Amino acid sequence: VLTADDGLAPGSDSLVAAIRQAGGTRVTTAHVATDHSWSDARLKLETLVIDWLQGL
């Protein structure tokens, strides 16, 4: 679950907590100080997604 400085992180954090509470162990999180569309952190976004995919 990826979050940014767009005000939506608390909802995502709640989702992650619920998944973990239900026994989910494979959920991963990352927060980047950027806007909702990740306009100044696109390379970081790509890296996070590719790294996650390689772990599947």
N, C-alpha and C. Protein backbone atom coordinates (compact mmCIF):
# COMPACT_ATOMS: atom_id res chain seq x y z
N VAL A 1 0.86 -1.15 0.00
CA VAL A 1 0.00 0.00 0.00
C VAL A 1 0.90 1.22 0.00
N LEU A 2 0.78 2.03 -1.02
CA LEU A 2 1.60 3.23 -1.16
C LEU A 2 0.78 4.45 -0.77
N THR A 3 1.38 5.33 0.01
CA THR A 3 0.70 6.56 0.40
C THR A 3 1.59 7.76 0.11
N ALA A 4 0.94 8.90 -0.01
CA ALA A 4 1.63 10.16 -0.29
C ALA A 4 1.07 11.22 0.66
N ASP A 5 1.58 12.42 0.55
CA ASP A 5 1.11 13.52 1.39
C ASP A 5 -0.15 14.16 0.80
N ASP A 6 -1.17 13.34 0.60
CA ASP A 6 -2.41 13.84 -0.01
C ASP A 6 -3.59 13.78 0.94
N GLY A 7 -3.32 13.45 2.20
CA GLY A 7 -4.39 13.39 3.18
C GLY A 7 -5.12 12.06 3.25
N LEU A 8 -4.76 11.12 2.40
CA LEU A 8 -5.45 9.84 2.36
C LEU A 8 -4.74 8.74 3.13
N ALA A 9 -3.57 9.01 3.67
CA ALA A 9 -2.80 7.99 4.38
C ALA A 9 -3.55 7.37 5.56
N PRO A 10 -4.30 8.13 6.35
CA PRO A 10 -5.00 7.50 7.48
C PRO A 10 -5.94 6.37 7.05
N GLY A 11 -6.64 6.54 5.95
CA GLY A 11 -7.52 5.48 5.46
C GLY A 11 -6.73 4.26 5.02
N SER A 12 -5.62 4.50 4.37
CA SER A 12 -4.76 3.39 3.94
C SER A 12 -4.15 2.69 5.14
N ASP A 13 -3.76 3.46 6.14
CA ASP A 13 -3.20 2.87 7.36
C ASP A 13 -4.24 1.99 8.06
N SER A 14 -5.49 2.42 8.06
CA SER A 14 -6.57 1.62 8.65
C SER A 14 -6.76 0.32 7.88
N LEU A 15 -6.70 0.39 6.57
CA LEU A 15 -6.82 -0.80 5.73
C LEU A 15 -5.70 -1.79 6.06
N VAL A 16 -4.48 -1.30 6.12
CA VAL A 16 -3.33 -2.16 6.42
C VAL A 16 -3.49 -2.79 7.80
N ALA A 17 -3.92 -2.01 8.78
CA ALA A 17 -4.12 -2.54 10.13
C ALA A 17 -5.17 -3.65 10.12
N ALA A 18 -6.26 -3.46 9.38
CA ALA A 18 -7.31 -4.47 9.31
C ALA A 18 -6.81 -5.74 8.64
N ILE A 19 -6.03 -5.59 7.59
CA ILE A 19 -5.46 -6.77 6.92
C ILE A 19 -4.56 -7.54 7.87
N ARG A 20 -3.71 -6.83 8.57
CA ARG A 20 -2.80 -7.48 9.52
C ARG A 20 -3.58 -8.12 10.67
N GLN A 21 -4.61 -7.45 11.15
CA GLN A 21 -5.45 -7.99 12.23
C GLN A 21 -6.11 -9.29 11.80
N ALA A 22 -6.44 -9.38 10.51
CA ALA A 22 -7.09 -10.58 9.98
C ALA A 22 -6.07 -11.67 9.62
N GLY A 23 -4.81 -11.44 9.94
CA GLY A 23 -3.79 -12.46 9.70
C GLY A 23 -2.97 -12.26 8.44
N GLY A 24 -3.22 -11.18 7.73
CA GLY A 24 -2.45 -10.91 6.53
C GLY A 24 -1.01 -10.57 6.87
N THR A 25 -0.10 -11.29 6.29
CA THR A 25 1.32 -11.09 6.60
C THR A 25 2.11 -10.58 5.40
N ARG A 26 1.49 -10.52 4.25
CA ARG A 26 2.23 -10.14 3.05
C ARG A 26 2.02 -8.70 2.63
N VAL A 27 1.24 -7.96 3.38
CA VAL A 27 1.00 -6.56 3.03
C VAL A 27 2.24 -5.74 3.37
N THR A 28 2.62 -4.89 2.44
CA THR A 28 3.76 -4.00 2.66
C THR A 28 3.31 -2.57 2.46
N THR A 29 4.03 -1.65 3.07
CA THR A 29 3.65 -0.24 2.99
C THR A 29 4.86 0.62 2.67
N ALA A 30 4.58 1.76 2.08
CA ALA A 30 5.61 2.77 1.85
C ALA A 30 4.91 4.12 1.77
N HIS A 31 5.51 5.11 2.40
CA HIS A 31 5.00 6.48 2.33
C HIS A 31 6.08 7.36 1.73
N VAL A 32 5.69 8.19 0.78
CA VAL A 32 6.63 9.11 0.14
C VAL A 32 6.05 10.51 0.25
N ALA A 33 6.89 11.45 0.61
CA ALA A 33 6.48 12.85 0.73
C ALA A 33 6.35 13.46 -0.66
N THR A 34 5.19 13.25 -1.26
CA THR A 34 4.90 13.76 -2.60
C THR A 34 3.40 14.04 -2.69
N ASP A 35 2.95 14.50 -3.84
CA ASP A 35 1.53 14.80 -4.01
C ASP A 35 0.76 13.55 -4.45
N HIS A 36 -0.56 13.71 -4.59
CA HIS A 36 -1.44 12.59 -4.91
C HIS A 36 -1.05 11.88 -6.21
N SER A 37 -0.61 12.62 -7.19
CA SER A 37 -0.25 12.00 -8.47
C SER A 37 1.22 11.64 -8.57
N TRP A 38 1.93 11.77 -7.47
CA TRP A 38 3.35 11.39 -7.41
C TRP A 38 4.16 12.11 -8.48
N SER A 39 3.79 13.33 -8.80
CA SER A 39 4.39 14.04 -9.94
C SER A 39 5.88 14.29 -9.79
N ASP A 40 6.38 14.42 -8.57
CA ASP A 40 7.82 14.64 -8.41
C ASP A 40 8.54 13.42 -7.85
N ALA A 41 7.84 12.27 -7.86
CA ALA A 41 8.44 11.05 -7.32
C ALA A 41 8.09 9.84 -8.18
N ARG A 42 7.95 10.04 -9.47
CA ARG A 42 7.55 8.94 -10.35
C ARG A 42 8.59 7.82 -10.38
N LEU A 43 9.86 8.16 -10.40
CA LEU A 43 10.90 7.12 -10.40
C LEU A 43 10.86 6.32 -9.11
N LYS A 44 10.63 6.98 -7.99
CA LYS A 44 10.50 6.27 -6.71
C LYS A 44 9.30 5.35 -6.75
N LEU A 45 8.18 5.81 -7.29
CA LEU A 45 6.99 4.99 -7.43
C LEU A 45 7.28 3.75 -8.27
N GLU A 46 7.93 3.95 -9.41
CA GLU A 46 8.28 2.82 -10.29
C GLU A 46 9.17 1.82 -9.55
N THR A 47 10.14 2.32 -8.82
CA THR A 47 11.05 1.45 -8.08
C THR A 47 10.31 0.65 -7.03
N LEU A 48 9.43 1.29 -6.29
CA LEU A 48 8.66 0.59 -5.26
C LEU A 48 7.80 -0.51 -5.86
N VAL A 49 7.14 -0.23 -6.97
CA VAL A 49 6.26 -1.22 -7.61
C VAL A 49 7.09 -2.38 -8.18
N ILE A 50 8.18 -2.08 -8.85
CA ILE A 50 9.02 -3.14 -9.42
C ILE A 50 9.61 -4.01 -8.32
N ASP A 51 10.09 -3.39 -7.26
CA ASP A 51 10.63 -4.18 -6.14
C ASP A 51 9.56 -5.08 -5.54
N TRP A 52 8.34 -4.56 -5.41
CA TRP A 52 7.25 -5.37 -4.87
C TRP A 52 6.93 -6.54 -5.81
N LEU A 53 6.88 -6.28 -7.10
CA LEU A 53 6.59 -7.34 -8.07
C LEU A 53 7.66 -8.42 -8.05
N GLN A 54 8.90 -8.04 -7.88
CA GLN A 54 9.99 -9.02 -7.84
C GLN A 54 9.89 -9.93 -6.62
N GLY A 55 9.21 -9.48 -5.60
CA GLY A 55 9.04 -10.29 -4.40
C GLY A 55 7.90 -11.29 -4.48
N LEU A 56 7.13 -11.26 -5.55
CA LEU A 56 6.00 -12.19 -5.67
C LEU A 56 6.45 -13.59 -6.03
